[in-house]
């Protein structure tokens, strides 16, 4: 997983993530990371979460990483900064998705 992230190529990382998920190895690959490798993964997610072709996978990965690392997020500034940026983007995308799923209804004037 770390080698894929180091390539900085979204296609490579996404392929590895999908393969790990298919083999039920995603949690093991995501767990046990130090601050440096976690930060590299978080930066990748933050960079690609808004891309339509990767959005669903990145949002799912976001939730998994938050579940795994919620207890250590505040400990390292190196980890905290990308997470704050990333969670903000995730919330923004969630609001946009909700708008498309439930578009506002406007009353026509009088």
Protein backbone atom coordinates (compact mmCIF):
# COMPACT_ATOMS: atom_id res chain seq x y z
CA UNK A 1 0.00 0.00 0.00
CA UNK A 2 2.75 2.45 0.93
CA UNK A 3 4.61 1.75 -2.31
CA UNK A 4 1.44 2.50 -4.29
CA UNK A 5 0.90 5.79 -2.44
CA UNK A 6 4.51 6.77 -3.09
CA UNK A 7 3.89 6.56 -6.85
CA UNK A 8 1.40 9.45 -6.46
CA UNK A 9 -0.57 7.93 -9.34
CA UNK A 10 -4.25 7.70 -8.51
CA UNK A 11 -4.83 4.74 -10.83
CA UNK A 12 -2.16 2.70 -9.06
CA UNK A 13 -3.40 3.50 -5.56
CA UNK A 14 -7.04 2.90 -6.46
CA UNK A 15 -6.19 -0.45 -8.06
CA UNK A 16 -4.31 -1.52 -4.93
CA UNK A 17 -7.16 -0.36 -2.67
CA UNK A 18 -9.73 -2.24 -4.74
CA UNK A 19 -7.61 -5.40 -4.76
CA UNK A 20 -7.03 -5.23 -1.00
CA UNK A 21 -10.76 -4.75 -0.41
CA UNK A 22 -11.57 -7.73 -2.64
CA UNK A 23 -9.17 -9.88 -0.61
CA UNK A 24 -10.42 -8.55 2.76
CA UNK A 25 -6.99 -7.08 3.45
CA UNK A 26 -7.82 -3.39 3.49
CA UNK A 27 -8.03 -2.95 7.28
CA UNK A 28 -4.73 -4.74 7.75
CA UNK A 29 -3.07 -2.56 5.08
CA UNK A 30 -4.47 0.63 6.60
CA UNK A 31 -3.75 -0.23 10.23
CA UNK A 32 -0.49 0.12 12.10
CA UNK A 33 0.80 3.11 10.16
CA UNK A 34 3.24 5.61 11.60
CA UNK A 35 2.70 9.36 11.24
CA UNK A 36 4.73 9.60 8.03
CA UNK A 37 2.95 6.82 6.12
CA UNK A 38 -0.46 7.86 7.46
CA UNK A 39 0.15 11.45 6.40
CA UNK A 40 1.12 10.34 2.89
CA UNK A 41 -2.12 8.38 2.61
CA UNK A 42 -4.18 11.26 4.01
CA UNK A 43 -2.63 13.69 1.56
CA UNK A 44 -3.47 11.33 -1.29
CA UNK A 45 -7.09 11.13 -0.14
CA UNK A 46 -7.33 14.91 0.29
CA UNK A 47 -5.94 15.39 -3.21
CA UNK A 48 -8.36 12.98 -4.92
CA UNK A 49 -11.57 13.02 -2.87
CA UNK A 50 -13.20 15.61 -5.12
CA UNK A 51 -12.55 13.68 -8.33
CA UNK A 52 -15.84 12.14 -9.49
CA UNK A 53 -14.33 8.81 -10.53
CA UNK A 54 -12.68 8.33 -7.11
CA UNK A 55 -15.14 10.12 -4.84
CA UNK A 56 -17.06 7.07 -3.61
CA UNK A 57 -13.90 5.10 -2.84
CA UNK A 58 -12.18 8.08 -1.18
CA UNK A 59 -15.22 8.78 1.00
CA UNK A 60 -15.31 5.15 2.07
CA UNK A 61 -11.58 5.24 2.76
CA UNK A 62 -12.06 8.46 4.74
CA UNK A 63 -14.54 6.78 7.07
CA UNK A 64 -12.34 3.71 7.49
CA UNK A 65 -9.28 5.78 8.33
CA UNK A 66 -11.22 7.91 10.80
CA UNK A 67 -12.49 4.75 12.49
CA UNK A 68 -8.96 3.33 12.71
CA UNK A 69 -7.13 6.49 13.75
CA UNK A 70 -9.67 8.66 15.59
CA UNK A 71 -7.81 8.22 18.86
CA UNK A 72 -4.49 9.52 17.46
CA UNK A 73 -5.66 12.35 15.22
CA UNK A 74 -4.98 15.08 17.78
CA UNK A 75 -1.58 13.77 18.84
CA UNK A 76 0.47 14.67 15.77
CA UNK A 77 0.17 18.00 13.96
CA UNK A 78 1.61 16.23 10.93
CA UNK A 79 -1.47 13.98 10.89
CA UNK A 80 -3.99 16.54 12.17
CA UNK A 81 -3.54 19.09 9.36
CA UNK A 82 -4.40 16.81 6.41
CA UNK A 83 -7.30 15.30 8.35
CA UNK A 84 -8.86 18.70 9.00
CA UNK A 85 -8.54 19.61 5.32
CA UNK A 86 -9.81 16.21 4.30
CA UNK A 87 -12.82 16.13 6.65
CA UNK A 88 -13.80 19.60 5.45
CA UNK A 89 -13.77 18.38 1.84
CA UNK A 90 -15.70 15.25 2.79
CA UNK A 91 -18.38 17.33 4.52
CA UNK A 92 -18.54 19.67 1.53
CA UNK A 93 -18.98 16.73 -0.86
CA UNK A 94 -21.64 15.26 1.41
CA UNK A 95 -23.61 18.52 1.29
CA UNK A 96 -23.33 18.61 -2.51
CA UNK A 97 -24.46 14.97 -2.79
CA UNK A 98 -27.45 15.67 -0.57
CA UNK A 99 -28.41 18.57 -2.82
CA UNK A 100 -28.37 16.31 -5.87
CA UNK A 101 -30.25 13.53 -4.08
CA UNK A 102 -32.83 15.94 -2.65
CA UNK A 103 -32.87 19.04 -4.83
CA UNK A 104 -34.47 22.09 -3.25
CA UNK A 105 -37.96 22.92 -4.41
CA UNK A 106 -38.65 26.54 -5.19
CA UNK A 107 -42.13 27.95 -5.22
CA UNK A 108 -42.93 29.95 -8.30
CA UNK A 109 -43.78 33.59 -7.61
CA UNK A 110 -47.33 34.38 -7.05
